Protein backbone atom coordinates (compact mmCIF):
# COMPACT_ATOMS: atom_id res chain seq x y z
CA UNK A 1 46.00 95.22 160.52
CA UNK A 2 49.24 93.80 161.89
CA UNK A 3 47.62 90.37 162.28
CA UNK A 4 46.62 90.45 158.60
CA UNK A 5 50.17 91.30 157.50
CA UNK A 6 51.61 88.50 159.63
CA UNK A 7 49.04 86.06 158.21
CA UNK A 8 50.06 86.97 154.65
CA UNK A 9 53.72 86.58 155.58
CA UNK A 10 53.12 83.16 157.17
CA UNK A 11 51.09 82.04 154.13
CA UNK A 12 53.95 83.03 151.83
CA UNK A 13 56.44 81.08 153.92
CA UNK A 14 54.22 78.00 153.94
CA UNK A 15 53.87 78.14 150.14
CA UNK A 16 57.64 78.23 149.62
CA UNK A 17 58.30 75.61 152.29
CA UNK A 18 60.71 77.87 154.15
CA UNK A 19 60.88 78.54 157.84
CA UNK A 20 61.18 82.00 159.25
CA UNK A 21 64.43 81.37 161.11
CA UNK A 22 65.90 78.44 159.19
CA UNK A 23 69.67 78.02 159.26
CA UNK A 24 71.34 77.98 155.84
CA UNK A 25 73.16 74.78 154.91
CA UNK A 26 76.77 74.71 156.03
CA UNK A 27 79.36 75.24 153.32
CA UNK A 28 81.54 72.11 153.09
CA UNK A 29 84.63 74.31 152.67
CA UNK A 30 84.33 75.45 156.28
CA UNK A 31 84.03 71.88 157.58
CA UNK A 32 87.50 70.81 156.42
CA UNK A 33 90.41 72.43 158.23
CA UNK A 34 92.94 70.72 155.95
CA UNK A 35 91.60 72.46 152.85
CA UNK A 36 91.91 75.85 154.47
CA UNK A 37 95.47 75.13 155.57
CA UNK A 38 96.27 73.90 152.03
CA UNK A 39 94.96 77.20 150.68
CA UNK A 40 97.35 79.09 152.96
CA UNK A 41 100.24 76.89 151.81
CA UNK A 42 99.33 77.52 148.16
CA UNK A 43 99.37 81.27 148.85
CA UNK A 44 102.89 80.90 150.23
CA UNK A 45 103.86 78.89 147.15
CA UNK A 46 102.39 81.57 144.85
CA UNK A 47 104.61 84.19 146.44
CA UNK A 48 107.64 82.19 145.22
CA UNK A 49 106.51 81.94 141.59
CA UNK A 50 108.41 84.00 139.04
CA UNK A 51 107.07 87.21 137.64
CA UNK A 52 106.05 88.24 134.97
CA UNK A 53 102.92 86.20 134.73
CA UNK A 54 102.73 82.52 133.98
CA UNK A 55 99.41 81.27 132.61
CA UNK A 56 97.85 77.93 131.75
CA UNK A 57 100.15 74.89 131.53
CA UNK A 58 103.38 76.81 132.31
CA UNK A 59 101.77 78.00 135.55
CA UNK A 60 100.75 74.42 136.47
CA UNK A 61 104.23 73.14 135.61
CA UNK A 62 105.90 75.81 137.77
CA UNK A 63 103.58 75.00 140.68
CA UNK A 64 104.33 71.26 140.40
CA UNK A 65 108.08 71.99 140.27
CA UNK A 66 107.88 74.17 143.39
CA UNK A 67 105.85 71.52 145.19
CA UNK A 68 108.69 69.06 144.96
CA UNK A 69 111.68 71.41 145.21
CA UNK A 70 110.90 74.10 147.75
CA UNK A 71 109.49 72.49 150.85
CA UNK A 72 105.92 72.24 149.66
CA UNK A 73 105.83 68.43 149.54
CA UNK A 74 102.65 68.48 151.62
CA UNK A 75 100.88 69.84 148.52
CA UNK A 76 102.15 67.08 146.21
CA UNK A 77 98.81 65.23 146.36
CA UNK A 78 97.31 68.01 144.23
CA UNK A 79 97.28 67.16 140.54
CA UNK A 80 96.47 69.20 137.49
CA UNK A 81 92.70 69.42 137.10
CA UNK A 82 90.30 70.09 134.26
CA UNK A 83 90.47 73.54 132.69
CA UNK A 84 87.72 75.83 133.95
CA UNK A 85 84.58 76.09 131.77
CA UNK A 86 84.19 79.72 132.82
CA UNK A 87 84.77 82.49 130.30
CA UNK A 88 85.04 85.15 133.00
CA UNK A 89 88.10 87.35 132.58
CA UNK A 90 89.23 86.68 136.17
CA UNK A 91 89.55 82.94 135.56
CA UNK A 92 90.93 82.74 132.01
CA UNK A 93 94.46 81.39 131.74
CA UNK A 94 94.41 79.81 135.15
CA UNK A 95 95.75 76.54 136.45
CA UNK A 96 93.38 74.13 138.18
CA UNK A 97 94.68 71.78 140.86
CA UNK A 98 92.55 69.05 142.46
CA UNK A 99 92.82 66.77 145.46
CA UNK A 100 90.03 64.54 146.80
CA UNK A 101 87.11 66.96 146.94
CA UNK A 102 89.13 70.17 146.90
CA UNK A 103 89.69 72.35 143.83
CA UNK A 104 92.07 75.30 143.58
CA UNK A 105 92.29 77.76 140.69
CA UNK A 106 95.49 79.77 140.40
CA UNK A 107 95.40 82.75 138.06
CA UNK A 108 97.44 85.83 137.26
CA UNK A 109 95.60 89.08 137.77
CA UNK A 110 96.65 92.40 136.42
CA UNK A 111 94.23 95.00 137.65
CA UNK A 112 94.70 98.76 137.86
CA UNK A 113 92.70 98.71 141.12
CA UNK A 114 94.24 95.70 142.87
CA UNK A 115 97.68 95.64 141.30
CA UNK A 116 99.20 92.54 139.79
CA UNK A 117 100.00 89.15 141.21
CA UNK A 118 98.70 85.63 141.48
CA UNK A 119 95.24 84.93 142.86
CA UNK A 120 93.81 81.79 144.40
CA UNK A 121 90.20 80.62 144.16
CA UNK A 122 89.20 77.56 146.13
CA UNK A 123 86.15 75.38 146.73
CA UNK A 124 84.94 71.92 147.63
CA UNK A 125 82.88 70.88 144.59
CA UNK A 126 80.00 68.69 145.69
CA UNK A 127 78.18 67.55 142.57
CA UNK A 128 80.56 68.44 139.76
CA UNK A 129 84.21 68.58 138.79
CA UNK A 130 84.01 72.36 138.98
CA UNK A 131 83.30 75.00 141.60
CA UNK A 132 79.85 76.56 141.61
CA UNK A 133 81.30 79.97 140.77
CA UNK A 134 82.99 78.52 137.67
CA UNK A 135 79.67 77.34 136.31
CA UNK A 136 77.88 80.59 137.09
CA UNK A 137 80.46 83.05 135.70
């Protein structure tokens, strides 16, 4: 009986072309140390932004101003990117910043569960100008 179950399992794997213990492809975000350190620097920059919330272009303008004025010159290579195509409430009104294969979305969140403040979403888009989560939300 067990041999029959294993045979069915193996047949299913051969039909889908998958291996039983295949490693998933590595996420390009985890390959680049510089992108992760840039994310940490952007989080520090976000803590210096004024409150109440800035959204859209005013948020991008404030980020660019802080990049040049407050010791965040290492982030000056990031430029304003294309507005997200997502209609998800978490991403609306955000500011997109891009630099050579790295995309950052900065948004204001005001949630009764998580409190309020700026959030950062980051990815390394491979085949598009947008992150995968932007296209799927």
